[in-house]
Amino acid sequence: MVYVKNVPGWERALRIVMGLAGLLFAAMSWGTAGFGLAVIAGLTGATLALTGLFGFCPMCAMVGRKPVKGR
């Protein structure tokens, strides 16, 4: 494994749910909301969903979050 998981299980689930909600919002508001808002919501949602799926957050690692025990 190239990376060490630094996001606990409860936070991973929350990130996946919130990421999918952001992607859904971006898809639904693509034509109605401003183009920039939909793109920002989509990128944020994708980032949250991916960090939840992989269990690793680069920003958390940069600020010194320790790896999850037992993984």
N, C-alpha and C. Protein backbone atom coordinates (compact mmCIF):
# COMPACT_ATOMS: atom_id res chain seq x y z
N MET A 1 0.86 -1.18 0.00
CA MET A 1 0.00 0.00 0.00
C MET A 1 0.90 1.24 0.00
N VAL A 2 0.62 2.15 -0.86
CA VAL A 2 1.44 3.34 -1.03
C VAL A 2 1.14 4.39 0.04
N TYR A 3 -0.07 4.41 0.55
CA TYR A 3 -0.47 5.43 1.50
C TYR A 3 -1.00 4.76 2.77
N VAL A 4 -1.00 5.51 3.87
CA VAL A 4 -1.53 5.03 5.14
C VAL A 4 -2.85 5.76 5.40
N LYS A 5 -3.89 5.02 5.70
CA LYS A 5 -5.20 5.63 5.93
C LYS A 5 -5.14 6.55 7.14
N ASN A 6 -5.63 7.78 6.95
CA ASN A 6 -5.64 8.75 8.04
C ASN A 6 -7.04 9.31 8.30
N VAL A 7 -8.06 8.65 7.78
CA VAL A 7 -9.44 9.07 7.99
C VAL A 7 -10.18 7.91 8.65
N PRO A 8 -10.75 8.13 9.85
CA PRO A 8 -11.47 7.04 10.53
C PRO A 8 -12.74 6.63 9.79
N GLY A 9 -13.27 5.46 10.16
CA GLY A 9 -14.41 4.88 9.46
C GLY A 9 -15.65 5.76 9.44
N TRP A 10 -15.99 6.37 10.58
CA TRP A 10 -17.20 7.20 10.63
C TRP A 10 -17.04 8.41 9.71
N GLU A 11 -15.84 8.96 9.65
CA GLU A 11 -15.62 10.13 8.81
C GLU A 11 -15.59 9.73 7.32
N ARG A 12 -15.11 8.53 7.04
CA ARG A 12 -15.13 8.05 5.65
C ARG A 12 -16.55 7.96 5.14
N ALA A 13 -17.45 7.39 5.97
CA ALA A 13 -18.85 7.26 5.57
C ALA A 13 -19.47 8.65 5.36
N LEU A 14 -19.18 9.58 6.25
CA LEU A 14 -19.72 10.93 6.13
C LEU A 14 -19.19 11.62 4.88
N ARG A 15 -17.92 11.44 4.58
CA ARG A 15 -17.34 12.06 3.38
C ARG A 15 -17.97 11.50 2.11
N ILE A 16 -18.23 10.19 2.08
CA ILE A 16 -18.84 9.59 0.90
C ILE A 16 -20.25 10.13 0.70
N VAL A 17 -21.03 10.19 1.78
CA VAL A 17 -22.40 10.69 1.68
C VAL A 17 -22.41 12.16 1.24
N MET A 18 -21.59 12.98 1.87
CA MET A 18 -21.56 14.40 1.52
C MET A 18 -21.00 14.61 0.11
N GLY A 19 -20.04 13.79 -0.29
CA GLY A 19 -19.50 13.90 -1.64
C GLY A 19 -20.53 13.56 -2.70
N LEU A 20 -21.29 12.50 -2.46
CA LEU A 20 -22.34 12.15 -3.41
C LEU A 20 -23.44 13.21 -3.44
N ALA A 21 -23.73 13.81 -2.29
CA ALA A 21 -24.72 14.90 -2.25
C ALA A 21 -24.21 16.10 -3.06
N GLY A 22 -22.93 16.41 -2.95
CA GLY A 22 -22.35 17.51 -3.73
C GLY A 22 -22.38 17.24 -5.22
N LEU A 23 -22.09 16.00 -5.60
CA LEU A 23 -22.16 15.64 -7.02
C LEU A 23 -23.59 15.69 -7.54
N LEU A 24 -24.53 15.25 -6.73
CA LEU A 24 -25.93 15.30 -7.13
C LEU A 24 -26.39 16.74 -7.29
N PHE A 25 -26.00 17.60 -6.34
CA PHE A 25 -26.35 19.02 -6.44
C PHE A 25 -25.76 19.63 -7.71
N ALA A 26 -24.52 19.30 -8.01
CA ALA A 26 -23.88 19.84 -9.21
C ALA A 26 -24.60 19.38 -10.48
N ALA A 27 -24.99 18.12 -10.50
CA ALA A 27 -25.68 17.60 -11.68
C ALA A 27 -27.06 18.23 -11.84
N MET A 28 -27.75 18.43 -10.73
CA MET A 28 -29.10 19.00 -10.81
C MET A 28 -29.10 20.49 -11.11
N SER A 29 -28.06 21.20 -10.69
CA SER A 29 -28.04 22.65 -10.88
C SER A 29 -27.13 23.09 -12.01
N TRP A 30 -26.75 22.17 -12.88
CA TRP A 30 -25.80 22.51 -13.94
C TRP A 30 -26.32 23.63 -14.83
N GLY A 31 -27.59 23.61 -15.21
CA GLY A 31 -28.11 24.62 -16.12
C GLY A 31 -28.74 25.80 -15.42
N THR A 32 -29.17 25.63 -14.17
CA THR A 32 -29.91 26.71 -13.50
C THR A 32 -29.01 27.59 -12.66
N ALA A 33 -28.19 27.01 -11.82
CA ALA A 33 -27.28 27.81 -11.00
C ALA A 33 -26.15 28.31 -11.89
N GLY A 34 -25.35 29.18 -11.35
CA GLY A 34 -24.22 29.65 -12.14
C GLY A 34 -23.29 28.51 -12.48
N PHE A 35 -22.67 28.59 -13.63
CA PHE A 35 -21.77 27.53 -14.08
C PHE A 35 -20.66 27.29 -13.06
N GLY A 36 -20.13 28.36 -12.50
CA GLY A 36 -19.05 28.25 -11.53
C GLY A 36 -19.47 27.53 -10.27
N LEU A 37 -20.70 27.79 -9.80
CA LEU A 37 -21.19 27.13 -8.59
C LEU A 37 -21.32 25.63 -8.81
N ALA A 38 -21.82 25.22 -9.95
CA ALA A 38 -21.97 23.79 -10.26
C ALA A 38 -20.60 23.12 -10.36
N VAL A 39 -19.65 23.78 -10.96
CA VAL A 39 -18.31 23.20 -11.09
C VAL A 39 -17.65 23.07 -9.72
N ILE A 40 -17.75 24.10 -8.89
CA ILE A 40 -17.17 24.05 -7.55
C ILE A 40 -17.82 22.96 -6.72
N ALA A 41 -19.14 22.86 -6.78
CA ALA A 41 -19.85 21.81 -6.03
C ALA A 41 -19.45 20.43 -6.54
N GLY A 42 -19.30 20.27 -7.83
CA GLY A 42 -18.90 19.00 -8.40
C GLY A 42 -17.48 18.59 -8.00
N LEU A 43 -16.56 19.52 -8.07
CA LEU A 43 -15.18 19.22 -7.68
C LEU A 43 -15.06 18.92 -6.20
N THR A 44 -15.77 19.69 -5.39
CA THR A 44 -15.75 19.45 -3.94
C THR A 44 -16.37 18.09 -3.63
N GLY A 45 -17.48 17.78 -4.26
CA GLY A 45 -18.12 16.50 -4.05
C GLY A 45 -17.24 15.33 -4.47
N ALA A 46 -16.60 15.46 -5.61
CA ALA A 46 -15.72 14.41 -6.09
C ALA A 46 -14.53 14.21 -5.14
N THR A 47 -13.97 15.30 -4.66
CA THR A 47 -12.84 15.22 -3.74
C THR A 47 -13.26 14.54 -2.44
N LEU A 48 -14.41 14.94 -1.88
CA LEU A 48 -14.88 14.32 -0.65
C LEU A 48 -15.16 12.83 -0.84
N ALA A 49 -15.81 12.48 -1.93
CA ALA A 49 -16.14 11.08 -2.18
C ALA A 49 -14.88 10.24 -2.35
N LEU A 50 -13.90 10.74 -3.06
CA LEU A 50 -12.67 9.99 -3.27
C LEU A 50 -11.85 9.83 -1.99
N THR A 51 -11.75 10.89 -1.19
CA THR A 51 -11.02 10.76 0.06
C THR A 51 -11.74 9.80 1.00
N GLY A 52 -13.07 9.76 0.93
CA GLY A 52 -13.81 8.79 1.74
C GLY A 52 -13.61 7.37 1.25
N LEU A 53 -13.59 7.17 -0.05
CA LEU A 53 -13.40 5.83 -0.59
C LEU A 53 -11.99 5.28 -0.31
N PHE A 54 -10.98 6.11 -0.45
CA PHE A 54 -9.61 5.67 -0.24
C PHE A 54 -9.19 5.69 1.22
N GLY A 55 -9.85 6.52 2.04
CA GLY A 55 -9.48 6.60 3.45
C GLY A 55 -8.25 7.44 3.71
N PHE A 56 -7.80 8.17 2.72
CA PHE A 56 -6.61 9.01 2.85
C PHE A 56 -6.94 10.41 2.39
N CYS A 57 -6.61 11.40 3.20
CA CYS A 57 -6.82 12.79 2.86
C CYS A 57 -5.47 13.51 2.86
N PRO A 58 -5.00 13.97 1.70
CA PRO A 58 -3.70 14.64 1.65
C PRO A 58 -3.63 15.90 2.51
N MET A 59 -4.73 16.65 2.58
CA MET A 59 -4.72 17.87 3.39
C MET A 59 -4.59 17.54 4.87
N CYS A 60 -5.25 16.48 5.30
CA CYS A 60 -5.13 16.06 6.70
C CYS A 60 -3.71 15.61 7.00
N ALA A 61 -3.09 14.94 6.06
CA ALA A 61 -1.71 14.49 6.24
C ALA A 61 -0.75 15.68 6.34
N MET A 62 -1.02 16.73 5.56
CA MET A 62 -0.14 17.91 5.59
C MET A 62 -0.21 18.65 6.91
N VAL A 63 -1.37 18.64 7.57
CA VAL A 63 -1.47 19.35 8.84
C VAL A 63 -1.11 18.46 10.03
N GLY A 64 -0.74 17.19 9.75
CA GLY A 64 -0.21 16.34 10.80
C GLY A 64 -1.16 15.33 11.40
N ARG A 65 -2.25 15.02 10.73
CA ARG A 65 -3.16 14.00 11.26
C ARG A 65 -2.48 12.65 11.22
N LYS A 66 -2.55 11.93 12.32
CA LYS A 66 -1.87 10.64 12.44
C LYS A 66 -2.68 9.55 11.76
N PRO A 67 -2.01 8.48 11.32
CA PRO A 67 -2.71 7.37 10.68
C PRO A 67 -3.71 6.71 11.63
N VAL A 68 -4.71 6.07 11.07
CA VAL A 68 -5.72 5.37 11.84
C VAL A 68 -5.12 4.09 12.38
N LYS A 69 -5.35 3.79 13.65
CA LYS A 69 -4.82 2.57 14.26
C LYS A 69 -5.56 1.35 13.77
N GLY A 70 -4.86 0.24 13.64
CA GLY A 70 -5.49 -1.02 13.28
C GLY A 70 -5.82 -1.18 11.81
N ARG A 71 -5.25 -0.42 10.94
CA ARG A 71 -5.53 -0.54 9.50
C ARG A 71 -4.29 -1.01 8.79
